C-alpha cells in the first residue's frame, strides 16, 4: 500500500491530483521509473496497467504493417496512458513508448476499471481527459497533412515542453523522425533551421529551447488549438464537481 508521502507526491499528475486521498488510496498507485524508448504496450497486446506520468512523456504511435510508425498523441503529467482499459477494451491498435524518461504512477488494469465503474471522481476526470486526448489526435492528423515540417516540429516541441519540468527534450533525430513519421534528413533540416534561427540548441540527442516565444511564433495554429482545449478541460477537471 502506498505511503502518505507517495500519495501526496501523486499530485504531480493532474488526474491523480483531482482525486481525494481515499480515492487515490483505492487505486494503490505504484511509482515506477520509465526509461527513454521503453515500450509500455504493443498494438494488440492486453494491457496489464495504466500509467499516470509525473515528469516523463509517453508517445502513442500508430504502427503500420511494414513497421513504420507515426505519433498520434503524447501524454504527460496532464493525463494517463491506457484509455482503452475503460473505453470497452483491454488492447489497442497503437503502441505506447516513452519519449522522455522519468517517472509515472502505475495502476493495475483491474483496479482502474473497478474505480472507473464506481462512477465517481475518477470517471469524470478520465472522460474529460479523453476528450482533450481526442482533440490532440484530430489536430495532429490535420497538422501532419497540411503543415510544413518545421511547423510540425515546433508544435511537437511545444506540446512536449508543456508536459516537462524543464526546457530540454532528450531525443535523437532518428527517434524524432519515428515519432513524427519523417525521414532523418527531414528532421535534420528542420532542427538545423531552428538552430540557425537561434531558437534551439541541438547537441548529442538533446534539444534545448532557447526562445520559446520564437518557437510559438513559428508554430502553426495546431498547438494553440490543442493547448486551449487541454487548458479548458484541465480547469474543469480541477474544479469541484
C-alpha atoms as a PDB file:
ATOM      1  CA  UNK A   1       0.000   0.000   0.000  1.00  0.00           C
ATOM      2  CA  UNK A   2       1.419   3.475  -0.906  1.00  0.00           C
ATOM      3  CA  UNK A   3       2.750   5.622   1.884  1.00  0.00           C
ATOM      4  CA  UNK A   4       1.257   9.020   2.720  1.00  0.00           C
ATOM      5  CA  UNK A   5       4.267  10.694   1.071  1.00  0.00           C
ATOM      6  CA  UNK A   6       3.664   8.787  -2.140  1.00  0.00           C
ATOM      7  CA  UNK A   7       0.009   9.740  -2.140  1.00  0.00           C
ATOM      8  CA  UNK A   8       0.937  13.399  -1.766  1.00  0.00           C
ATOM      9  CA  UNK A   9       3.573  13.082  -4.496  1.00  0.00           C
ATOM     10  CA  UNK A  10       0.943  11.687  -6.847  1.00  0.00           C
ATOM     11  CA  UNK A  11      -0.495  15.201  -7.057  1.00  0.00           C
ATOM     12  CA  UNK A  12       2.210  15.873  -9.646  1.00  0.00           C
ATOM     13  CA  UNK A  13      -0.193  14.250 -12.111  1.00  0.00           C
ATOM     14  CA  UNK A  14      -3.280  16.328 -12.994  1.00  0.00           C
ATOM     15  CA  UNK A  15      -5.697  13.407 -12.892  1.00  0.00           C
ATOM     16  CA  UNK A  16      -4.455  11.993  -9.604  1.00  0.00           C
ATOM     17  CA  UNK A  17      -4.445  15.474  -8.082  1.00  0.00           C
ATOM     18  CA  UNK A  18      -8.191  15.687  -8.737  1.00  0.00           C
ATOM     19  CA  UNK A  19      -8.871  12.695  -6.505  1.00  0.00           C
ATOM     20  CA  UNK A  20      -9.344  12.595  -2.770  1.00  0.00           C
ATOM     21  CA  UNK A  21      -6.787  10.782  -0.632  1.00  0.00           C
ATOM     22  CA  UNK A  22      -9.285   7.948  -0.183  1.00  0.00           C
ATOM     23  CA  UNK A  23      -9.765   7.585  -3.941  1.00  0.00           C
ATOM     24  CA  UNK A  24      -6.036   7.634  -4.624  1.00  0.00           C
ATOM     25  CA  UNK A  25      -5.534   5.009  -1.937  1.00  0.00           C
ATOM     26  CA  UNK A  26      -8.075   2.729  -3.637  1.00  0.00           C
ATOM     27  CA  UNK A  27      -6.060   2.975  -6.852  1.00  0.00           C
ATOM     28  CA  UNK A  28      -2.933   1.869  -4.957  1.00  0.00           C
ATOM     29  CA  UNK A  29      -0.572   3.623  -7.424  1.00  0.00           C
ATOM     30  CA  UNK A  30       2.995   2.349  -7.683  1.00  0.00           C
ATOM     31  CA  UNK A  31       5.701   4.861  -8.595  1.00  0.00           C
ATOM     32  CA  UNK A  32       7.946   3.459 -11.347  1.00  0.00           C
ATOM     33  CA  UNK A  33      10.909   4.756 -13.364  1.00  0.00           C
ATOM     34  CA  UNK A  34      10.489   4.773 -17.148  1.00  0.00           C
ATOM     35  CA  UNK A  35      13.475   4.854 -19.494  1.00  0.00           C
ATOM     36  CA  UNK A  36      13.788   6.511 -22.894  1.00  0.00           C
ATOM     37  CA  UNK A  37      12.446   4.208 -25.593  1.00  0.00           C
ATOM     38  CA  UNK A  38      10.748   1.831 -23.140  1.00  0.00           C
ATOM     39  CA  UNK A  39       7.644   0.239 -24.678  1.00  0.00           C
ATOM     40  CA  UNK A  40       4.718   0.219 -22.250  1.00  0.00           C
ATOM     41  CA  UNK A  41       2.449  -1.754 -24.551  1.00  0.00           C
ATOM     42  CA  UNK A  42       2.385  -3.011 -28.123  1.00  0.00           C
ATOM     43  CA  UNK A  43      -0.500  -2.913 -30.574  1.00  0.00           C
ATOM     44  CA  UNK A  44      -2.911  -5.768 -29.922  1.00  0.00           C
ATOM     45  CA  UNK A  45      -1.446  -6.676 -26.535  1.00  0.00           C
ATOM     46  CA  UNK A  46      -3.623  -6.924 -23.466  1.00  0.00           C
ATOM     47  CA  UNK A  47      -2.763  -4.030 -21.171  1.00  0.00           C
ATOM     48  CA  UNK A  48      -1.867  -5.009 -17.638  1.00  0.00           C
ATOM     49  CA  UNK A  49      -1.507  -1.480 -16.244  1.00  0.00           C
ATOM     50  CA  UNK A  50      -2.418   2.156 -16.776  1.00  0.00           C
ATOM     51  CA  UNK A  51       0.276   4.813 -16.339  1.00  0.00           C
ATOM     52  CA  UNK A  52      -0.086   8.312 -14.877  1.00  0.00           C
ATOM     53  CA  UNK A  53       3.110  10.228 -15.811  1.00  0.00           C
ATOM     54  CA  UNK A  54       4.599  12.821 -13.471  1.00  0.00           C
ATOM     55  CA  UNK A  55       7.796  14.058 -15.137  1.00  0.00           C
ATOM     56  CA  UNK A  56       8.031  11.942 -18.282  1.00  0.00           C
ATOM     57  CA  UNK A  57       6.280  11.853 -21.648  1.00  0.00           C
ATOM     58  CA  UNK A  58       4.763   8.839 -23.358  1.00  0.00           C
ATOM     59  CA  UNK A  59       4.218   8.891 -27.099  1.00  0.00           C
ATOM     60  CA  UNK A  60       1.271   6.997 -28.565  1.00  0.00           C
ATOM     61  CA  UNK A  61       2.129   5.695 -32.032  1.00  0.00           C
ATOM     62  CA  UNK A  62       0.169   4.022 -34.786  1.00  0.00           C
ATOM     63  CA  UNK A  63       2.278   1.262 -36.305  1.00  0.00           C
ATOM     64  CA  UNK A  64       1.857   0.168 -39.920  1.00  0.00           C
ATOM     65  CA  UNK A  65       2.311  -3.408 -41.160  1.00  0.00           C
ATOM     66  CA  UNK A  66       5.721  -2.540 -42.614  1.00  0.00           C
ATOM     67  CA  UNK A  67       6.921  -1.349 -39.200  1.00  0.00           C
ATOM     68  CA  UNK A  68       6.736   2.362 -39.934  1.00  0.00           C
ATOM     69  CA  UNK A  69       5.044   4.460 -37.289  1.00  0.00           C
ATOM     70  CA  UNK A  70       3.686   7.928 -36.649  1.00  0.00           C
ATOM     71  CA  UNK A  71       2.783   9.667 -33.434  1.00  0.00           C
ATOM     72  CA  UNK A  72      -0.907  10.314 -32.878  1.00  0.00           C
ATOM     73  CA  UNK A  73      -0.691  11.897 -29.412  1.00  0.00           C
ATOM     74  CA  UNK A  74       1.549  12.446 -26.403  1.00  0.00           C
ATOM     75  CA  UNK A  75       0.705  12.098 -22.732  1.00  0.00           C
ATOM     76  CA  UNK A  76       2.496  13.684 -19.793  1.00  0.00           C
ATOM     77  CA  UNK A  77       1.532  14.911 -16.347  1.00  0.00           C
ATOM     78  CA  UNK A  78      -1.764  16.068 -17.862  1.00  0.00           C
ATOM     79  CA  UNK A  79      -3.215  12.596 -18.130  1.00  0.00           C
ATOM     80  CA  UNK A  80      -2.805   8.850 -18.334  1.00  0.00           C
ATOM     81  CA  UNK A  81      -1.784   6.107 -20.735  1.00  0.00           C
ATOM     82  CA  UNK A  82      -4.235   3.270 -21.297  1.00  0.00           C
ATOM     83  CA  UNK A  83      -7.638   4.771 -22.022  1.00  0.00           C
ATOM     84  CA  UNK A  84      -8.651   1.560 -23.817  1.00  0.00           C
ATOM     85  CA  UNK A  85      -8.969  -0.023 -20.373  1.00  0.00           C
ATOM     86  CA  UNK A  86     -12.087   1.980 -19.535  1.00  0.00           C
ATOM     87  CA  UNK A  87     -13.347   2.546 -23.089  1.00  0.00           C
ATOM     88  CA  UNK A  88     -14.557  -1.010 -23.586  1.00  0.00           C
ATOM     89  CA  UNK A  89     -11.398  -2.904 -24.458  1.00  0.00           C
ATOM     90  CA  UNK A  90      -8.170  -4.167 -22.944  1.00  0.00           C
ATOM     91  CA  UNK A  91      -5.994  -3.635 -26.017  1.00  0.00           C
ATOM     92  CA  UNK A  92      -5.497  -1.013 -28.708  1.00  0.00           C
ATOM     93  CA  UNK A  93      -4.042  -0.677 -32.207  1.00  0.00           C
ATOM     94  CA  UNK A  94      -1.393   1.763 -31.007  1.00  0.00           C
ATOM     95  CA  UNK A  95       1.977   1.431 -29.262  1.00  0.00           C
ATOM     96  CA  UNK A  96       2.937   3.315 -26.100  1.00  0.00           C
ATOM     97  CA  UNK A  97       6.626   4.264 -25.922  1.00  0.00           C
ATOM     98  CA  UNK A  98       8.488   6.532 -23.505  1.00  0.00           C
ATOM     99  CA  UNK A  99       9.539   9.699 -25.332  1.00  0.00           C
ATOM    100  CA  UNK A 100      11.250  11.381 -22.377  1.00  0.00           C
ATOM    101  CA  UNK A 101      12.498   9.375 -19.418  1.00  0.00           C
ATOM    102  CA  UNK A 102      11.121   9.999 -15.944  1.00  0.00           C
ATOM    103  CA  UNK A 103       8.537   8.595 -13.585  1.00  0.00           C
ATOM    104  CA  UNK A 104       4.893   7.562 -13.633  1.00  0.00           C
ATOM    105  CA  UNK A 105       2.367   6.021 -11.294  1.00  0.00           C
ATOM    106  CA  UNK A 106       1.344   2.561 -12.431  1.00  0.00           C
ATOM    107  CA  UNK A 107      -2.129   1.234 -11.629  1.00  0.00           C
ATOM    108  CA  UNK A 108      -3.309  -2.309 -12.229  1.00  0.00           C
ATOM    109  CA  UNK A 109      -5.822  -2.594 -15.058  1.00  0.00           C
ATOM    110  CA  UNK A 110      -8.447  -4.370 -12.953  1.00  0.00           C
ATOM    111  CA  UNK A 111      -8.181  -1.751 -10.203  1.00  0.00           C
ATOM    112  CA  UNK A 112      -8.562   1.113 -12.672  1.00  0.00           C
ATOM    113  CA  UNK A 113     -11.640  -0.460 -14.254  1.00  0.00           C
ATOM    114  CA  UNK A 114     -13.257  -1.100 -10.891  1.00  0.00           C
ATOM    115  CA  UNK A 115     -12.678   2.501  -9.832  1.00  0.00           C
ATOM    116  CA  UNK A 116     -13.991   3.816 -13.161  1.00  0.00           C
ATOM    117  CA  UNK A 117     -17.137   1.708 -12.791  1.00  0.00           C
ATOM    118  CA  UNK A 118     -17.882   3.408  -9.466  1.00  0.00           C
ATOM    119  CA  UNK A 119     -18.959   6.474 -11.441  1.00  0.00           C
ATOM    120  CA  UNK A 120     -17.239   8.865  -9.044  1.00  0.00           C
ATOM    121  CA  UNK A 121     -14.460  11.443  -9.455  1.00  0.00           C
ATOM    122  CA  UNK A 122     -12.089   9.283 -11.497  1.00  0.00           C
ATOM    123  CA  UNK A 123     -14.814   8.524 -14.034  1.00  0.00           C
ATOM    124  CA  UNK A 124     -15.424  12.234 -14.655  1.00  0.00           C
ATOM    125  CA  UNK A 125     -11.710  13.017 -14.857  1.00  0.00           C
ATOM    126  CA  UNK A 126     -10.892  10.215 -17.271  1.00  0.00           C
ATOM    127  CA  UNK A 127     -13.744  11.112 -19.604  1.00  0.00           C
ATOM    128  CA  UNK A 128     -12.676  14.761 -19.690  1.00  0.00           C
ATOM    129  CA  UNK A 129      -9.063  13.798 -20.338  1.00  0.00           C
ATOM    130  CA  UNK A 130     -10.219  11.507 -23.147  1.00  0.00           C
ATOM    131  CA  UNK A 131     -11.958  14.477 -24.771  1.00  0.00           C
ATOM    132  CA  UNK A 132      -8.725  16.510 -24.717  1.00  0.00           C
ATOM    133  CA  UNK A 133      -6.766  13.494 -25.961  1.00  0.00           C
ATOM    134  CA  UNK A 134      -9.094  13.032 -28.933  1.00  0.00           C
ATOM    135  CA  UNK A 135      -8.741  16.730 -29.793  1.00  0.00           C
ATOM    136  CA  UNK A 136      -4.972  16.305 -29.835  1.00  0.00           C
ATOM    137  CA  UNK A 137      -5.215  13.262 -32.125  1.00  0.00           C
ATOM    138  CA  UNK A 138      -7.523  15.029 -34.590  1.00  0.00           C
ATOM    139  CA  UNK A 139      -5.349  18.142 -34.700  1.00  0.00           C
ATOM    140  CA  UNK A 140      -2.185  16.067 -35.126  1.00  0.00           C
ATOM    141  CA  UNK A 141      -3.678  14.300 -38.128  1.00  0.00           C
ATOM    142  CA  UNK A 142      -4.630  17.628 -39.722  1.00  0.00           C
ATOM    143  CA  UNK A 143      -1.231  19.153 -38.938  1.00  0.00           C
ATOM    144  CA  UNK A 144       0.711  16.249 -40.441  1.00  0.00           C
ATOM    145  CA  UNK A 145      -1.354  16.520 -43.612  1.00  0.00           C
ATOM    146  CA  UNK A 146      -1.387  20.275 -44.179  1.00  0.00           C
ATOM    147  CA  UNK A 147       1.560  21.965 -42.450  1.00  0.00           C
ATOM    148  CA  UNK A 148       5.280  22.075 -43.289  1.00  0.00           C
ATOM    149  CA  UNK A 149       7.787  20.023 -41.334  1.00  0.00           C
ATOM    150  CA  UNK A 150       9.291  22.893 -39.340  1.00  0.00           C
ATOM    151  CA  UNK A 151       5.832  23.874 -38.067  1.00  0.00           C
ATOM    152  CA  UNK A 152       5.068  20.255 -37.150  1.00  0.00           C
ATOM    153  CA  UNK A 153       8.339  20.092 -35.221  1.00  0.00           C
ATOM    154  CA  UNK A 154       7.541  23.331 -33.376  1.00  0.00           C
ATOM    155  CA  UNK A 155       4.083  22.025 -32.427  1.00  0.00           C
ATOM    156  CA  UNK A 156       5.598  18.786 -31.170  1.00  0.00           C
ATOM    157  CA  UNK A 157       8.260  20.573 -29.127  1.00  0.00           C
ATOM    158  CA  UNK A 158       5.756  22.933 -27.501  1.00  0.00           C
ATOM    159  CA  UNK A 159       3.367  20.126 -26.559  1.00  0.00           C
ATOM    160  CA  UNK A 160       6.324  18.227 -25.095  1.00  0.00           C
ATOM    161  CA  UNK A 161       7.625  21.223 -23.125  1.00  0.00           C
ATOM    162  CA  UNK A 162       4.180  21.813 -21.619  1.00  0.00           C
ATOM    163  CA  UNK A 163       4.459  18.362 -20.054  1.00  0.00           C
ATOM    164  CA  UNK A 164       8.070  18.570 -18.848  1.00  0.00           C
ATOM    165  CA  UNK A 165       9.634  20.368 -15.859  1.00  0.00           C
ATOM    166  CA  UNK A 166      12.494  21.848 -17.937  1.00  0.00           C
ATOM    167  CA  UNK A 167      13.126  23.363 -21.373  1.00  0.00           C
ATOM    168  CA  UNK A 168      15.073  20.331 -22.627  1.00  0.00           C
ATOM    169  CA  UNK A 169      13.848  17.393 -24.687  1.00  0.00           C
ATOM    170  CA  UNK A 170      16.109  14.330 -24.813  1.00  0.00           C
ATOM    171  CA  UNK A 171      15.530  12.751 -28.231  1.00  0.00           C
ATOM    172  CA  UNK A 172      17.769  11.666 -31.112  1.00  0.00           C
ATOM    173  CA  UNK A 173      16.863  12.811 -34.607  1.00  0.00           C
ATOM    174  CA  UNK A 174      16.098   9.188 -35.503  1.00  0.00           C
ATOM    175  CA  UNK A 175      13.586   8.909 -32.674  1.00  0.00           C
ATOM    176  CA  UNK A 176      12.048  12.264 -33.572  1.00  0.00           C
ATOM    177  CA  UNK A 177      11.642  11.003 -37.138  1.00  0.00           C
ATOM    178  CA  UNK A 178       9.991   7.817 -35.888  1.00  0.00           C
ATOM    179  CA  UNK A 179       7.594   9.839 -33.740  1.00  0.00           C
ATOM    180  CA  UNK A 180       6.599  12.263 -36.494  1.00  0.00           C
ATOM    181  CA  UNK A 181       6.781   9.852 -39.417  1.00  0.00           C
ATOM    182  CA  UNK A 182       9.612  11.846 -41.013  1.00  0.00           C
ATOM    183  CA  UNK A 183      12.909  10.854 -42.575  1.00  0.00           C
ATOM    184  CA  UNK A 184      16.143  11.566 -40.630  1.00  0.00           C
ATOM    185  CA  UNK A 185      17.092  14.103 -43.310  1.00  0.00           C
ATOM    186  CA  UNK A 186      13.793  15.966 -42.875  1.00  0.00           C
ATOM    187  CA  UNK A 187      14.368  16.172 -39.123  1.00  0.00           C
ATOM    188  CA  UNK A 188      17.995  17.276 -39.597  1.00  0.00           C
ATOM    189  CA  UNK A 189      16.933  20.061 -41.942  1.00  0.00           C
ATOM    190  CA  UNK A 190      14.116  21.226 -39.649  1.00  0.00           C
ATOM    191  CA  UNK A 191      16.232  21.236 -36.473  1.00  0.00           C
ATOM    192  CA  UNK A 192      19.015  22.956 -38.433  1.00  0.00           C
ATOM    193  CA  UNK A 193      16.676  25.768 -39.462  1.00  0.00           C
ATOM    194  CA  UNK A 194      15.532  26.316 -35.893  1.00  0.00           C
ATOM    195  CA  UNK A 195      19.110  26.161 -34.612  1.00  0.00           C
ATOM    196  CA  UNK A 196      20.317  28.702 -37.193  1.00  0.00           C
ATOM    197  CA  UNK A 197      17.447  30.994 -36.196  1.00  0.00           C
ATOM    198  CA  UNK A 198      18.678  30.905 -32.586  1.00  0.00           C
ATOM    199  CA  UNK A 199      15.520  29.220 -31.323  1.00  0.00           C
ATOM    200  CA  UNK A 200      17.003  25.918 -30.170  1.00  0.00           C
ATOM    201  CA  UNK A 201      20.302  24.236 -29.421  1.00  0.00           C
ATOM    202  CA  UNK A 202      20.631  20.626 -30.528  1.00  0.00           C
ATOM    203  CA  UNK A 203      23.513  18.612 -29.145  1.00  0.00           C
ATOM    204  CA  UNK A 204      24.062  14.885 -28.621  1.00  0.00           C
ATOM    205  CA  UNK A 205      20.391  13.958 -28.759  1.00  0.00           C
ATOM    206  CA  UNK A 206      19.167  16.805 -26.559  1.00  0.00           C
ATOM    207  CA  UNK A 207      17.080  19.738 -27.757  1.00  0.00           C
ATOM    208  CA  UNK A 208      17.250  22.852 -25.583  1.00  0.00           C
ATOM    209  CA  UNK A 209      14.676  25.519 -26.394  1.00  0.00           C
ATOM    210  CA  UNK A 210      16.369  28.913 -26.157  1.00  0.00           C
ATOM    211  CA  UNK A 211      13.478  31.083 -27.309  1.00  0.00           C
ATOM    212  CA  UNK A 212      10.051  29.625 -26.557  1.00  0.00           C
ATOM    213  CA  UNK A 213       8.171  32.683 -27.821  1.00  0.00           C
ATOM    214  CA  UNK A 214      10.046  32.351 -31.106  1.00  0.00           C
ATOM    215  CA  UNK A 215       9.046  28.687 -31.357  1.00  0.00           C
ATOM    216  CA  UNK A 216       5.427  29.632 -30.645  1.00  0.00           C
ATOM    217  CA  UNK A 217       5.531  32.274 -33.379  1.00  0.00           C
ATOM    218  CA  UNK A 218       6.954  29.727 -35.809  1.00  0.00           C
ATOM    219  CA  UNK A 219       4.441  27.017 -34.937  1.00  0.00           C
ATOM    220  CA  UNK A 220       1.181  26.509 -36.785  1.00  0.00           C
ATOM    221  CA  UNK A 221      -2.298  27.057 -35.322  1.00  0.00           C
ATOM    222  CA  UNK A 222      -2.483  23.416 -34.180  1.00  0.00           C
ATOM    223  CA  UNK A 223      -0.523  23.926 -30.975  1.00  0.00           C
ATOM    224  CA  UNK A 224      -2.793  26.742 -29.821  1.00  0.00           C
ATOM    225  CA  UNK A 225      -5.934  24.728 -30.603  1.00  0.00           C
ATOM    226  CA  UNK A 226      -4.732  21.738 -28.573  1.00  0.00           C
ATOM    227  CA  UNK A 227      -3.423  23.847 -25.689  1.00  0.00           C
ATOM    228  CA  UNK A 228      -6.629  25.876 -25.340  1.00  0.00           C
ATOM    229  CA  UNK A 229      -8.776  22.751 -25.229  1.00  0.00           C
ATOM    230  CA  UNK A 230      -6.422  20.989 -22.816  1.00  0.00           C
ATOM    231  CA  UNK A 231      -6.294  24.024 -20.524  1.00  0.00           C
ATOM    232  CA  UNK A 232     -10.078  24.392 -20.607  1.00  0.00           C
ATOM    233  CA  UNK A 233     -10.631  20.777 -19.662  1.00  0.00           C
ATOM    234  CA  UNK A 234      -7.868  20.856 -17.054  1.00  0.00           C
ATOM    235  CA  UNK A 235      -9.576  23.741 -15.277  1.00  0.00           C
ATOM    236  CA  UNK A 236     -12.843  21.824 -15.401  1.00  0.00           C
ATOM    237  CA  UNK A 237     -11.126  18.698 -14.055  1.00  0.00           C
ATOM    238  CA  UNK A 238      -9.729  20.558 -11.072  1.00  0.00           C
ATOM    239  CA  UNK A 239     -12.988  22.391 -10.328  1.00  0.00           C
ATOM    240  CA  UNK A 240     -15.311  20.870  -7.706  1.00  0.00           C
ATOM    241  CA  UNK A 241     -17.866  18.505  -9.233  1.00  0.00           C
END
